[in-house]
C-alpha atoms as a PDB file:
ATOM      1  CA  MET A   1       0.000   0.000   0.000  1.00  0.00           C
ATOM      2  CA  SER A   2       1.379   3.415  -0.987  1.00  0.00           C
ATOM      3  CA  MET A   3       2.083   6.077   1.619  1.00  0.00           C
ATOM      4  CA  PRO A   4      -0.385   8.996   1.994  1.00  0.00           C
ATOM      5  CA  THR A   5       0.551  12.145   0.079  1.00  0.00           C
ATOM      6  CA  GLU A   6       0.876  14.116   3.340  1.00  0.00           C
ATOM      7  CA  ALA A   7       2.932  11.495   5.169  1.00  0.00           C
ATOM      8  CA  SER A   8       5.296  12.971   7.748  1.00  0.00           C
ATOM      9  CA  PRO A   9       9.070  12.431   7.609  1.00  0.00           C
ATOM     10  CA  GLU A  10       8.756  10.033  10.546  1.00  0.00           C
ATOM     11  CA  GLU A  11       6.104   7.983   8.728  1.00  0.00           C
ATOM     12  CA  LEU A  12       8.212   7.871   5.575  1.00  0.00           C
ATOM     13  CA  LEU A  13      11.243   6.848   7.626  1.00  0.00           C
ATOM     14  CA  LEU A  14       9.325   3.992   9.237  1.00  0.00           C
ATOM     15  CA  ALA A  15       8.061   2.777   5.857  1.00  0.00           C
ATOM     16  CA  ALA A  16      11.553   3.041   4.352  1.00  0.00           C
ATOM     17  CA  ARG A  17      12.919   0.891   7.182  1.00  0.00           C
ATOM     18  CA  LYS A  18      10.410  -1.758   6.165  1.00  0.00           C
ATOM     19  CA  GLY A  19      11.807  -1.826   2.650  1.00  0.00           C
ATOM     20  CA  ASP A  20       9.481   0.651   0.901  1.00  0.00           C
ATOM     21  CA  SER A  21      11.772   2.123  -1.763  1.00  0.00           C
ATOM     22  CA  GLU A  22       9.161   4.679  -2.835  1.00  0.00           C
ATOM     23  CA  ALA A  23       8.934   5.976   0.728  1.00  0.00           C
ATOM     24  CA  LEU A  24      12.724   6.215   0.879  1.00  0.00           C
ATOM     25  CA  GLY A  25      12.812   8.218  -2.329  1.00  0.00           C
ATOM     26  CA  ARG A  26      10.130  10.589  -1.047  1.00  0.00           C
ATOM     27  CA  LEU A  27      11.902  10.890   2.286  1.00  0.00           C
ATOM     28  CA  LEU A  28      15.230  11.867   0.745  1.00  0.00           C
ATOM     29  CA  GLN A  29      13.586  14.304  -1.651  1.00  0.00           C
ATOM     30  CA  LEU A  30      12.355  16.310   1.358  1.00  0.00           C
ATOM     31  CA  TYR A  31      15.982  17.306   2.001  1.00  0.00           C
ATOM     32  CA  TRP A  32      17.056  18.152  -1.549  1.00  0.00           C
ATOM     33  CA  ASN A  33      16.931  21.936  -1.112  1.00  0.00           C
ATOM     34  CA  TYR A  34      18.435  21.702   2.375  1.00  0.00           C
ATOM     35  CA  LEU A  35      21.481  19.761   1.187  1.00  0.00           C
ATOM     36  CA  LYS A  36      21.798  21.805  -2.010  1.00  0.00           C
ATOM     37  CA  LEU A  37      21.902  25.019  -0.008  1.00  0.00           C
ATOM     38  CA  LEU A  38      24.676  23.630   2.188  1.00  0.00           C
ATOM     39  CA  ALA A  39      26.613  22.250  -0.781  1.00  0.00           C
ATOM     40  CA  SER A  40      26.420  25.537  -2.677  1.00  0.00           C
ATOM     41  CA  THR A  41      28.586  27.244  -0.046  1.00  0.00           C
ATOM     42  CA  ARG A  42      31.414  24.738  -0.506  1.00  0.00           C
ATOM     43  CA  ILE A  43      31.752  24.821  -4.316  1.00  0.00           C
ATOM     44  CA  ASP A  44      34.063  27.622  -5.367  1.00  0.00           C
ATOM     45  CA  GLY A  45      34.771  28.936  -8.856  1.00  0.00           C
ATOM     46  CA  ARG A  46      37.473  26.426  -9.723  1.00  0.00           C
ATOM     47  CA  LEU A  47      35.156  23.511  -8.976  1.00  0.00           C
ATOM     48  CA  GLN A  48      31.991  24.849 -10.642  1.00  0.00           C
ATOM     49  CA  ALA A  49      33.270  23.932 -14.102  1.00  0.00           C
ATOM     50  CA  ARG A  50      33.330  20.270 -13.059  1.00  0.00           C
ATOM     51  CA  PHE A  51      30.191  19.869 -10.966  1.00  0.00           C
ATOM     52  CA  SER A  52      27.301  21.807  -9.435  1.00  0.00           C
ATOM     53  CA  ALA A  53      25.606  21.685  -6.047  1.00  0.00           C
ATOM     54  CA  SER A  54      22.813  19.654  -7.669  1.00  0.00           C
ATOM     55  CA  ASP A  55      25.371  17.132  -8.916  1.00  0.00           C
ATOM     56  CA  VAL A  56      26.783  16.743  -5.413  1.00  0.00           C
ATOM     57  CA  VAL A  57      23.349  16.247  -3.846  1.00  0.00           C
ATOM     58  CA  GLN A  58      22.395  13.697  -6.501  1.00  0.00           C
ATOM     59  CA  GLU A  59      25.534  11.701  -5.724  1.00  0.00           C
ATOM     60  CA  ALA A  60      24.844  12.016  -2.001  1.00  0.00           C
ATOM     61  CA  PHE A  61      21.324  10.690  -2.518  1.00  0.00           C
ATOM     62  CA  LEU A  62      22.675   7.699  -4.426  1.00  0.00           C
ATOM     63  CA  ASP A  63      25.029   7.030  -1.509  1.00  0.00           C
ATOM     64  CA  ALA A  64      22.113   7.353   0.927  1.00  0.00           C
ATOM     65  CA  HIS A  65      20.013   4.891  -1.081  1.00  0.00           C
ATOM     66  CA  ARG A  66      22.846   2.367  -1.160  1.00  0.00           C
ATOM     67  CA  GLY A  67      23.712   2.765   2.500  1.00  0.00           C
ATOM     68  CA  PHE A  68      20.302   3.310   4.065  1.00  0.00           C
ATOM     69  CA  ALA A  69      20.415  -0.063   5.841  1.00  0.00           C
ATOM     70  CA  GLN A  70      23.361   1.316   7.850  1.00  0.00           C
ATOM     71  CA  PHE A  71      21.340   4.244   9.234  1.00  0.00           C
ATOM     72  CA  ARG A  72      20.570   3.564  12.886  1.00  0.00           C
ATOM     73  CA  GLY A  73      18.803   6.781  13.852  1.00  0.00           C
ATOM     74  CA  GLU A  74      15.153   7.057  14.878  1.00  0.00           C
ATOM     75  CA  THR A  75      14.349  10.745  14.378  1.00  0.00           C
ATOM     76  CA  GLU A  76      14.261  13.276  11.582  1.00  0.00           C
ATOM     77  CA  ARG A  77      17.061  15.214  13.255  1.00  0.00           C
ATOM     78  CA  GLU A  78      19.286  12.128  13.253  1.00  0.00           C
ATOM     79  CA  LEU A  79      18.421  11.561   9.606  1.00  0.00           C
ATOM     80  CA  ARG A  80      19.435  15.114   8.712  1.00  0.00           C
ATOM     81  CA  ALA A  81      22.739  14.672  10.520  1.00  0.00           C
ATOM     82  CA  TRP A  82      23.357  11.391   8.665  1.00  0.00           C
ATOM     83  CA  LEU A  83      22.591  13.009   5.310  1.00  0.00           C
ATOM     84  CA  ARG A  84      24.889  15.926   6.101  1.00  0.00           C
ATOM     85  CA  GLN A  85      27.742  13.509   6.790  1.00  0.00           C
ATOM     86  CA  ILE A  86      27.105  11.755   3.486  1.00  0.00           C
ATOM     87  CA  LEU A  87      27.196  15.165   1.795  1.00  0.00           C
ATOM     88  CA  VAL A  88      30.496  15.966   3.507  1.00  0.00           C
ATOM     89  CA  ASN A  89      32.007  12.672   2.332  1.00  0.00           C
ATOM     90  CA  ARG A  90      30.803  13.205  -1.234  1.00  0.00           C
ATOM     91  CA  LEU A  91      32.115  16.787  -1.353  1.00  0.00           C
ATOM     92  CA  TRP A  92      35.493  15.669  -0.097  1.00  0.00           C
ATOM     93  CA  GLN A  93      35.663  12.872  -2.684  1.00  0.00           C
ATOM     94  CA  LEU A  94      34.857  15.305  -5.490  1.00  0.00           C
ATOM     95  CA  VAL A  95      37.514  17.734  -4.293  1.00  0.00           C
ATOM     96  CA  GLN A  96      40.056  14.902  -4.342  1.00  0.00           C
ATOM     97  CA  GLN A  97      38.978  13.893  -7.850  1.00  0.00           C
ATOM     98  CA  HIS A  98      39.388  17.492  -8.991  1.00  0.00           C
ATOM     99  CA  ALA A  99      42.865  17.649  -7.469  1.00  0.00           C
ATOM    100  CA  ARG A 100      43.948  14.492  -9.287  1.00  0.00           C
ATOM    101  CA  ALA A 101      42.479  15.750 -12.563  1.00  0.00           C
ATOM    102  CA  GLU A 102      44.427  18.992 -12.161  1.00  0.00           C
ATOM    103  CA  LYS A 103      47.540  16.953 -11.239  1.00  0.00           C
ATOM    104  CA  ARG A 104      47.898  18.763  -7.927  1.00  0.00           C
ATOM    105  CA  ASN A 105      49.167  17.214  -4.733  1.00  0.00           C
ATOM    106  CA  VAL A 106      46.089  15.619  -3.198  1.00  0.00           C
ATOM    107  CA  HIS A 107      47.590  15.932   0.279  1.00  0.00           C
ATOM    108  CA  CYS A 108      47.608  19.708  -0.135  1.00  0.00           C
ATOM    109  CA  GLU A 109      43.878  19.765  -0.692  1.00  0.00           C
ATOM    110  CA  VAL A 110      41.313  20.363   2.022  1.00  0.00           C
ATOM    111  CA  SER A 111      40.902  17.546   4.551  1.00  0.00           C
ATOM    112  CA  LEU A 112      37.723  15.613   5.236  1.00  0.00           C
ATOM    113  CA  ASN A 113      37.561  17.169   8.714  1.00  0.00           C
ATOM    114  CA  ALA A 114      37.864  20.652   7.204  1.00  0.00           C
ATOM    115  CA  VAL A 115      34.978  19.975   4.819  1.00  0.00           C
ATOM    116  CA  GLY A 116      32.900  18.669   7.710  1.00  0.00           C
ATOM    117  CA  ALA A 117      33.685  21.726   9.830  1.00  0.00           C
ATOM    118  CA  ALA A 118      32.740  24.037   6.957  1.00  0.00           C
ATOM    119  CA  ILE A 119      29.396  22.294   6.446  1.00  0.00           C
ATOM    120  CA  GLY A 120      28.837  22.512  10.202  1.00  0.00           C
ATOM    121  CA  ARG A 121      29.369  26.277  10.086  1.00  0.00           C
ATOM    122  CA  SER A 122      26.976  26.604   7.161  1.00  0.00           C
ATOM    123  CA  THR A 123      24.389  24.557   9.036  1.00  0.00           C
ATOM    124  CA  ALA A 124      24.668  26.838  12.068  1.00  0.00           C
ATOM    125  CA  ARG A 125      24.458  29.927   9.879  1.00  0.00           C
ATOM    126  CA  LEU A 126      21.133  28.801   8.454  1.00  0.00           C
ATOM    127  CA  GLU A 127      19.704  29.882  11.790  1.00  0.00           C
ATOM    128  CA  SER A 128      20.963  33.422  11.196  1.00  0.00           C
ATOM    129  CA  ILE A 129      18.672  33.646   8.169  1.00  0.00           C
ATOM    130  CA  LEU A 130      15.770  32.453  10.321  1.00  0.00           C
ATOM    131  CA  GLU A 131      16.590  35.005  13.006  1.00  0.00           C
ATOM    132  CA  ALA A 132      16.680  37.775  10.395  1.00  0.00           C
ATOM    133  CA  SER A 133      13.453  36.633   8.743  1.00  0.00           C
ATOM    134  CA  ILE A 134      10.988  35.656  11.470  1.00  0.00           C
ATOM    135  CA  THR A 135       9.243  38.180  13.675  1.00  0.00           C
ATOM    136  CA  SER A 136       8.798  35.975  16.750  1.00  0.00           C
ATOM    137  CA  PRO A 137      11.895  33.797  17.202  1.00  0.00           C
ATOM    138  CA  SER A 138      11.136  30.310  18.465  1.00  0.00           C
ATOM    139  CA  SER A 139      13.263  28.248  20.811  1.00  0.00           C
ATOM    140  CA  GLY A 140      16.624  26.980  19.585  1.00  0.00           C
ATOM    141  CA  ALA A 141      15.191  23.516  19.049  1.00  0.00           C
ATOM    142  CA  SER A 142      12.344  24.888  16.926  1.00  0.00           C
ATOM    143  CA  ARG A 143      14.752  26.908  14.790  1.00  0.00           C
ATOM    144  CA  ARG A 144      16.717  23.767  14.002  1.00  0.00           C
ATOM    145  CA  GLU A 145      13.543  21.965  13.029  1.00  0.00           C
ATOM    146  CA  HIS A 146      12.619  24.836  10.700  1.00  0.00           C
ATOM    147  CA  THR A 147      15.847  24.819   8.697  1.00  0.00           C
ATOM    148  CA  VAL A 148      14.487  22.404   6.092  1.00  0.00           C
ATOM    149  CA  ILE A 149      11.433  24.633   5.545  1.00  0.00           C
ATOM    150  CA  LEU A 150      13.808  27.577   5.303  1.00  0.00           C
ATOM    151  CA  ALA A 151      15.878  25.894   2.600  1.00  0.00           C
ATOM    152  CA  ASP A 152      12.717  25.096   0.608  1.00  0.00           C
ATOM    153  CA  SER A 153      11.645  28.740   0.882  1.00  0.00           C
ATOM    154  CA  VAL A 154      15.072  30.043  -0.185  1.00  0.00           C
ATOM    155  CA  ALA A 155      14.866  27.795  -3.257  1.00  0.00           C
ATOM    156  CA  LYS A 156      11.691  29.633  -4.311  1.00  0.00           C
ATOM    157  CA  LEU A 157      13.392  33.043  -4.313  1.00  0.00           C
ATOM    158  CA  PRO A 158      14.761  34.746  -7.454  1.00  0.00           C
ATOM    159  CA  GLU A 159      18.384  33.853  -8.141  1.00  0.00           C
ATOM    160  CA  ASP A 160      19.841  37.201  -7.029  1.00  0.00           C
ATOM    161  CA  TYR A 161      17.875  37.021  -3.772  1.00  0.00           C
ATOM    162  CA  ARG A 162      19.220  33.521  -3.109  1.00  0.00           C
ATOM    163  CA  GLU A 163      22.754  34.619  -3.902  1.00  0.00           C
ATOM    164  CA  VAL A 164      22.769  37.610  -1.576  1.00  0.00           C
ATOM    165  CA  LEU A 165      21.384  35.519   1.302  1.00  0.00           C
ATOM    166  CA  VAL A 166      23.901  32.732   0.764  1.00  0.00           C
ATOM    167  CA  LEU A 167      26.853  35.123   0.543  1.00  0.00           C
ATOM    168  CA  ARG A 168      25.749  37.257   3.467  1.00  0.00           C
ATOM    169  CA  HIS A 169      24.500  34.576   5.847  1.00  0.00           C
ATOM    170  CA  LEU A 170      25.884  31.144   4.920  1.00  0.00           C
ATOM    171  CA  GLU A 171      29.306  32.367   3.837  1.00  0.00           C
ATOM    172  CA  GLY A 172      29.276  35.168   6.408  1.00  0.00           C
ATOM    173  CA  LEU A 173      30.700  37.834   4.091  1.00  0.00           C
ATOM    174  CA  PRO A 174      30.467  41.564   4.886  1.00  0.00           C
ATOM    175  CA  PHE A 175      28.374  43.660   2.515  1.00  0.00           C
ATOM    176  CA  GLU A 176      31.462  45.059   0.802  1.00  0.00           C
ATOM    177  CA  GLN A 177      32.654  41.584  -0.215  1.00  0.00           C
ATOM    178  CA  VAL A 178      29.138  40.527  -1.199  1.00  0.00           C
ATOM    179  CA  ALA A 179      29.005  43.586  -3.465  1.00  0.00           C
ATOM    180  CA  GLN A 180      32.317  42.613  -5.086  1.00  0.00           C
ATOM    181  CA  ARG A 181      31.148  39.037  -5.683  1.00  0.00           C
ATOM    182  CA  MET A 182      27.859  40.188  -7.194  1.00  0.00           C
ATOM    183  CA  GLY A 183      29.298  43.077  -9.211  1.00  0.00           C
ATOM    184  CA  ARG A 184      27.072  45.659  -7.520  1.00  0.00           C
ATOM    185  CA  SER A 185      27.527  48.620  -5.235  1.00  0.00           C
ATOM    186  CA  SER A 186      27.396  48.078  -1.486  1.00  0.00           C
ATOM    187  CA  GLY A 187      24.244  50.185  -1.249  1.00  0.00           C
ATOM    188  CA  ALA A 188      22.514  48.190  -3.996  1.00  0.00           C
ATOM    189  CA  VAL A 189      23.427  44.943  -2.260  1.00  0.00           C
ATOM    190  CA  ARG A 190      21.991  46.153   1.043  1.00  0.00           C
ATOM    191  CA  MET A 191      18.694  47.020  -0.662  1.00  0.00           C
ATOM    192  CA  LEU A 192      18.673  43.660  -2.442  1.00  0.00           C
ATOM    193  CA  TRP A 193      19.332  41.895   0.866  1.00  0.00           C
ATOM    194  CA  MET A 194      16.431  43.677   2.566  1.00  0.00           C
ATOM    195  CA  ARG A 195      14.062  42.817  -0.283  1.00  0.00           C
ATOM    196  CA  ALA A 196      15.240  39.203  -0.186  1.00  0.00           C
ATOM    197  CA  LEU A 197      14.590  38.971   3.550  1.00  0.00           C
ATOM    198  CA  GLU A 198      11.135  40.483   3.144  1.00  0.00           C
ATOM    199  CA  GLN A 199      10.139  38.010   0.443  1.00  0.00           C
ATOM    200  CA  LEU A 200      11.612  35.142   2.447  1.00  0.00           C
ATOM    201  CA  ARG A 201       9.653  36.312   5.490  1.00  0.00           C
ATOM    202  CA  GLN A 202       6.443  36.162   3.478  1.00  0.00           C
ATOM    203  CA  LEU A 203       7.207  32.637   2.291  1.00  0.00           C
ATOM    204  CA  LEU A 204       8.012  31.470   5.811  1.00  0.00           C
ATOM    205  CA  ASN A 205       4.826  33.036   7.146  1.00  0.00           C
ATOM    206  CA  ALA A 206       2.870  31.099   4.532  1.00  0.00           C
ATOM    207  CA  GLU A 207       4.515  27.911   5.853  1.00  0.00           C
ATOM    208  CA  GLY A 208       3.599  28.763   9.422  1.00  0.00           C
ATOM    209  CA  VAL A 209       7.130  29.779  10.452  1.00  0.00           C
ATOM    210  CA  SER A 210       6.782  33.239  11.943  1.00  0.00           C
END
């Protein structure tokens, strides 16, 4: 019997544990935008010619499908942490592949621990977007639970809105550096940032995150 359209992550997780491959696919798809947003902060200009954030997430999902039997968690939060670690491993592998293709010393490239730490910082910084966007901040636990909804809402924004939020919040750049990266004046970037936050706030309100 197929899962209901509005099945919760916990229900999908339970069905996936029982061998329902459709439920597993639906479960992983819930975190596509979340993982893509995290991956986008770790792919710099020299790597973009070889692969995109979507490519990395697709590979991570394939790894998750193959290794799902090894997942021992019981909650959505544990699942997110497991998926983040898979993303870290996949990013590190792609960086190593790029280094070999460029005939650089692989040992000089970023370490697995460094990639993991960077993704951890990006994960924590997602909360800064929530804090800037919602009018009545929830408890810390609630903010963490809302990060997936946040990522889905960011994905709905125009490209320049997404870019300014990623550069300002996830990469933690000052407005002057954001302006340089986007080829705009600092004043224009500040206005763009405020408009992006306002539209994001409206999307989050529509999702019940306010």
